[in-house]
Amino acid sequence: MQKILEFPELLRLIDERSSAFRAAVAAAPSLDVPVPSCPEWTLFDLAQHIGDGRRSWAATVIAGPDATAKSASPGPAAPHEREALLAWLAVSVQELLAALREAGPDRGCWTWWETSQSPQTCGAVARHQLQEIAVHTYDAHLALGTPQPLPDEVALDGVEEFLSTCCATTSAWPHKPAAVDYHATEGRSWRLWLSPDGLRTARLPAATDGDDAATGADASVRGTAGDLVLLFYGRMPPESLELAGDRNVFDQLIAWDPDA
């Protein structure tokens, strides 16, 4: 069974996706181009979010395992002139990468996912940072009218990362217990269990044939790993993928707020 991306690969891909994001900003006709997948945001707003967020996470990593909250974003504000903005973005990402390299994957770090299955470590931070940057790079290309699929290795890790970090929780599932399977057409599958004890996830040994009754799943969704990630982050409607089983379970998942 293939393991998750190793720490050096995460850092390499953060750098690569960040470079792709800056290339999209450089190619845009204007920084005022609206971003359809981020309502009310322009490309400048998206770039500002990328830069401020990476600086803030760099400071959080540097603060060490005893920090009790996310650190404020240090440094200068995002400049509005394009070349200066591109340079500011590059520095923002390099600050994050430098902080992560210095800390290493196993050092503890404050995170907002305290009750998930993802550890509170710098390695888990790097894993989530890759997904955030990758999805926002998709947003930037979408704003230019040239949407591009997520790279395969990023997407495959992204499905598991999202389920472990953003779905898994100890908050009680308020509806009927259920099992939901997610099948990537690349040949990897995951299951999400929903119960009064919370939500837990695991990778399945091999992709199933989609027979929900035979596999014990109440519902399933199938698509490329990239499409699954975009579904998770609200960039793609469920109807765009192959759904099977009880559609009501998907509606409940989309509507559920475990912190409410």
Protein backbone atom coordinates (compact mmCIF):
# COMPACT_ATOMS: atom_id res chain seq x y z
CA MET A 1 0.00 0.00 0.00
CA GLN A 2 1.44 3.37 -0.98
CA LYS A 3 2.36 5.61 1.94
CA ILE A 4 1.50 9.28 2.27
CA LEU A 5 3.90 11.78 0.73
CA GLU A 6 7.19 12.04 2.60
CA PHE A 7 8.19 15.36 4.17
CA PRO A 8 10.76 16.36 1.51
CA GLU A 9 8.19 15.66 -1.19
CA LEU A 10 5.61 17.81 0.61
CA LEU A 11 8.06 20.71 0.73
CA ARG A 12 8.99 20.25 -2.92
CA LEU A 13 5.36 20.26 -3.98
CA ILE A 14 4.52 23.29 -1.83
CA ASP A 15 7.28 25.14 -3.66
CA GLU A 16 6.13 23.84 -7.06
CA ARG A 17 2.46 24.71 -6.56
CA SER A 18 3.41 28.12 -5.16
CA SER A 19 5.46 28.78 -8.28
CA ALA A 20 2.46 27.77 -10.41
CA PHE A 21 0.28 30.18 -8.41
CA ARG A 22 2.70 33.05 -8.99
CA ALA A 23 2.85 32.22 -12.70
CA ALA A 24 -0.94 32.53 -12.87
CA VAL A 25 -0.79 35.91 -11.12
CA ALA A 26 1.91 37.03 -13.54
CA ALA A 27 -0.17 35.97 -16.55
CA ALA A 28 -3.45 37.56 -15.43
CA PRO A 29 -4.71 40.56 -17.42
CA SER A 30 -5.35 42.35 -14.12
CA LEU A 31 -5.11 41.75 -10.40
CA ASP A 32 -8.76 42.78 -10.24
CA VAL A 33 -9.91 39.65 -12.11
CA PRO A 34 -12.70 38.03 -10.04
CA VAL A 35 -12.19 34.53 -8.68
CA PRO A 36 -15.41 32.56 -9.35
CA SER A 37 -14.66 29.88 -6.74
CA CYS A 38 -13.98 32.48 -4.03
CA PRO A 39 -17.02 34.79 -4.17
CA GLU A 40 -16.29 38.52 -3.78
CA TRP A 41 -12.53 37.95 -4.05
CA THR A 42 -10.29 39.31 -6.76
CA LEU A 43 -7.02 37.70 -7.79
CA PHE A 44 -5.25 40.24 -5.58
CA ASP A 45 -7.38 39.16 -2.60
CA LEU A 46 -6.49 35.53 -3.28
CA ALA A 47 -2.78 36.38 -3.53
CA GLN A 48 -2.97 38.35 -0.31
CA HIS A 49 -4.59 35.36 1.40
CA ILE A 50 -1.87 33.02 0.13
CA GLY A 51 0.95 35.28 1.30
CA ASP A 52 -0.49 36.28 4.67
CA GLY A 53 -1.49 32.69 5.41
CA ARG A 54 1.96 31.27 4.67
CA ARG A 55 3.66 33.93 6.82
CA SER A 56 1.24 33.21 9.65
CA TRP A 57 1.86 29.45 9.47
CA ALA A 58 5.61 30.06 9.32
CA ALA A 59 5.35 32.04 12.56
CA THR A 60 3.18 29.31 14.10
CA VAL A 61 5.74 26.62 13.25
CA ILE A 62 8.56 28.79 14.65
CA ALA A 63 6.57 29.36 17.87
CA GLY A 64 7.00 25.68 18.67
CA PRO A 65 4.87 22.95 20.21
CA ASP A 66 3.91 24.98 23.29
CA ALA A 67 2.03 27.63 21.30
CA THR A 68 -1.66 27.76 22.17
CA ALA A 69 -2.96 29.65 19.13
CA LYS A 70 -2.05 30.44 15.55
CA SER A 71 0.53 33.22 15.36
CA ALA A 72 -0.24 36.56 13.75
CA SER A 73 1.10 37.20 10.26
CA PRO A 74 4.33 39.20 10.55
CA GLY A 75 6.01 41.26 7.89
CA PRO A 76 4.90 43.82 5.32
CA ALA A 77 1.42 43.96 3.82
CA ALA A 78 0.80 42.68 0.32
CA PRO A 79 1.81 45.32 -2.24
CA HIS A 80 -0.63 46.18 -5.03
CA GLU A 81 2.00 46.52 -7.75
CA ARG A 82 2.28 43.22 -9.61
CA GLU A 83 6.05 42.66 -9.61
CA ALA A 84 6.31 43.63 -5.96
CA LEU A 85 3.39 41.33 -5.15
CA LEU A 86 5.08 38.40 -6.90
CA ALA A 87 8.27 38.99 -4.92
CA TRP A 88 6.27 39.27 -1.67
CA LEU A 89 4.53 35.98 -2.44
CA ALA A 90 7.83 34.23 -3.10
CA VAL A 91 9.26 35.43 0.21
CA SER A 92 6.09 34.37 2.04
CA VAL A 93 6.36 30.78 0.82
CA GLN A 94 10.11 30.60 1.43
CA GLU A 95 9.53 31.71 5.03
CA LEU A 96 7.10 28.82 5.47
CA LEU A 97 9.43 26.30 3.83
CA ALA A 98 12.40 27.47 5.90
CA ALA A 99 10.40 27.18 9.12
CA LEU A 100 9.22 23.68 8.24
CA ARG A 101 12.72 22.50 7.25
CA GLU A 102 14.17 23.83 10.48
CA ALA A 103 11.47 22.18 12.60
CA GLY A 104 11.31 18.83 10.81
CA PRO A 105 8.22 16.67 10.36
CA ASP A 106 7.92 15.22 13.86
CA ARG A 107 8.03 18.34 16.02
CA GLY A 108 4.74 19.32 17.60
CA CYS A 109 2.86 22.36 16.32
CA TRP A 110 -0.35 24.14 17.16
CA THR A 111 -3.14 23.20 14.73
CA TRP A 112 -6.87 23.76 14.56
CA TRP A 113 -7.56 20.04 14.00
CA GLU A 114 -7.22 18.90 17.61
CA THR A 115 -9.83 16.11 17.43
CA SER A 116 -9.09 14.82 13.95
CA GLN A 117 -7.00 11.81 12.94
CA SER A 118 -4.16 14.01 11.72
CA PRO A 119 -1.36 14.56 14.24
CA GLN A 120 -0.50 17.99 15.57
CA THR A 121 2.94 18.01 13.99
CA CYS A 122 4.86 20.11 11.50
CA GLY A 123 4.62 17.23 9.03
CA ALA A 124 0.82 17.37 9.18
CA VAL A 125 0.96 21.15 8.80
CA ALA A 126 3.06 20.75 5.66
CA ARG A 127 0.62 18.18 4.30
CA HIS A 128 -2.35 20.50 4.79
CA GLN A 129 -0.47 23.54 3.49
CA LEU A 130 0.19 21.70 0.23
CA GLN A 131 -3.52 21.09 -0.25
CA GLU A 132 -4.49 24.67 0.53
CA ILE A 133 -1.96 26.06 -1.92
CA ALA A 134 -2.88 23.49 -4.57
CA VAL A 135 -6.60 24.28 -4.39
CA HIS A 136 -5.96 28.02 -4.48
CA THR A 137 -3.69 27.53 -7.48
CA TYR A 138 -6.67 25.86 -9.14
CA ASP A 139 -8.72 28.94 -8.15
CA ALA A 140 -6.17 31.25 -9.77
CA HIS A 141 -6.22 29.32 -13.04
CA LEU A 142 -10.01 29.26 -12.94
CA ALA A 143 -10.00 33.05 -12.63
CA LEU A 144 -7.93 33.20 -15.81
CA GLY A 145 -10.37 30.89 -17.60
CA THR A 146 -7.78 28.11 -17.82
CA PRO A 147 -8.62 25.67 -14.99
CA GLN A 148 -6.06 22.89 -14.62
CA PRO A 149 -6.42 19.57 -12.80
CA LEU A 150 -4.49 19.04 -9.59
CA PRO A 151 -1.27 17.05 -10.11
CA ASP A 152 -1.92 13.36 -9.50
CA GLU A 153 0.43 12.96 -6.53
CA VAL A 154 -1.02 16.05 -4.85
CA ALA A 155 -4.60 14.94 -5.45
CA LEU A 156 -4.17 11.36 -4.23
CA ASP A 157 -2.60 12.56 -1.00
CA GLY A 158 -5.22 15.29 -0.81
CA VAL A 159 -8.19 12.93 -0.58
CA GLU A 160 -6.72 11.14 2.40
CA GLU A 161 -5.48 14.37 3.99
CA PHE A 162 -8.91 15.99 3.79
CA LEU A 163 -10.72 12.97 5.21
CA SER A 164 -8.21 12.66 8.06
CA THR A 165 -7.92 16.35 8.88
CA CYS A 166 -11.20 18.00 7.93
CA CYS A 167 -13.72 15.16 8.28
CA ALA A 168 -12.48 12.94 11.09
CA THR A 169 -13.69 14.25 14.45
CA THR A 170 -14.84 13.09 17.86
CA SER A 171 -18.00 15.19 17.54
CA ALA A 172 -21.06 12.94 17.52
CA TRP A 173 -22.73 12.33 14.16
CA PRO A 174 -26.35 13.46 14.76
CA HIS A 175 -27.95 11.26 12.11
CA LYS A 176 -28.26 7.54 11.44
CA PRO A 177 -24.83 5.83 11.46
CA ALA A 178 -23.48 5.29 7.98
CA ALA A 179 -20.40 4.38 5.97
CA VAL A 180 -19.36 6.39 2.92
CA ASP A 181 -16.78 5.20 0.40
CA TYR A 182 -14.68 7.46 -1.80
CA HIS A 183 -13.19 5.82 -4.89
CA ALA A 184 -10.45 7.47 -6.93
CA THR A 185 -10.35 6.22 -10.50
CA GLU A 186 -6.58 5.97 -10.10
CA GLY A 187 -7.25 2.83 -8.03
CA ARG A 188 -7.37 3.98 -4.42
CA SER A 189 -10.36 4.00 -2.05
CA TRP A 190 -11.20 5.30 1.42
CA ARG A 191 -14.05 4.79 3.86
CA LEU A 192 -15.57 7.34 6.21
CA TRP A 193 -17.58 5.97 9.15
CA LEU A 194 -20.22 8.25 10.69
CA SER A 195 -21.44 7.33 14.19
CA PRO A 196 -22.37 8.76 17.60
CA ASP A 197 -18.67 8.40 18.48
CA GLY A 198 -17.69 10.75 15.68
CA LEU A 199 -16.23 10.35 12.20
CA ARG A 200 -13.29 8.07 11.46
CA THR A 201 -11.62 7.25 8.17
CA ALA A 202 -9.28 4.62 6.73
CA ARG A 203 -7.87 3.68 3.37
CA LEU A 204 -9.44 0.53 1.96
CA PRO A 205 -7.13 -2.31 0.87
CA ALA A 206 -8.10 -1.95 -2.78
CA ALA A 207 -10.66 -0.19 -4.93
CA THR A 208 -14.01 -1.96 -4.85
CA ASP A 209 -16.37 -2.52 -7.74
CA GLY A 210 -18.87 0.04 -6.43
CA ASP A 211 -21.42 -2.51 -5.17
CA ASP A 212 -22.46 -0.70 -1.99
CA ALA A 213 -24.50 -3.59 -0.68
CA ALA A 214 -21.58 -5.99 -1.06
CA THR A 215 -18.99 -3.66 0.47
CA GLY A 216 -21.11 -2.46 3.37
CA ALA A 217 -21.13 1.18 2.29
CA ASP A 218 -24.37 3.15 2.53
CA ALA A 219 -23.19 5.59 -0.15
CA SER A 220 -20.19 6.08 -2.39
CA VAL A 221 -18.71 8.60 -4.78
CA ARG A 222 -16.29 7.89 -7.61
CA GLY A 223 -14.13 10.24 -9.64
CA THR A 224 -10.54 11.21 -10.21
CA ALA A 225 -8.62 12.04 -7.05
CA GLY A 226 -8.43 15.63 -8.24
CA ASP A 227 -12.19 15.83 -8.66
CA LEU A 228 -12.70 14.35 -5.19
CA VAL A 229 -10.47 17.03 -3.67
CA LEU A 230 -12.31 19.76 -5.56
CA LEU A 231 -15.59 18.25 -4.35
CA PHE A 232 -14.36 18.37 -0.76
CA TYR A 233 -13.39 22.03 -1.06
CA GLY A 234 -16.65 23.06 -2.70
CA ARG A 235 -15.14 23.64 -6.14
CA MET A 236 -17.20 20.92 -7.81
CA PRO A 237 -20.84 19.91 -7.24
CA PRO A 238 -21.56 16.31 -6.18
CA GLU A 239 -23.58 15.77 -9.34
CA SER A 240 -20.37 16.10 -11.38
CA LEU A 241 -19.12 12.81 -9.94
CA GLU A 242 -20.53 9.29 -9.93
CA LEU A 243 -22.74 8.93 -6.85
CA ALA A 244 -24.27 5.68 -5.60
CA GLY A 245 -26.34 4.65 -2.62
CA ASP A 246 -28.17 6.97 -0.22
CA ARG A 247 -27.81 10.52 -1.54
CA ASN A 248 -29.29 11.84 1.71
CA VAL A 249 -26.05 10.94 3.49
CA PHE A 250 -24.11 13.32 1.24
CA ASP A 251 -26.63 16.09 1.86
CA GLN A 252 -26.30 15.56 5.61
CA LEU A 253 -22.50 15.67 5.41
CA ILE A 254 -22.52 18.89 3.40
CA ALA A 255 -24.98 20.56 5.79
CA TRP A 256 -23.41 19.33 9.03
CA ASP A 257 -21.45 21.68 11.26
CA PRO A 258 -19.79 19.64 14.04
CA ASP A 259 -19.05 22.81 16.01
CA ALA A 260 -22.64 24.07 15.98
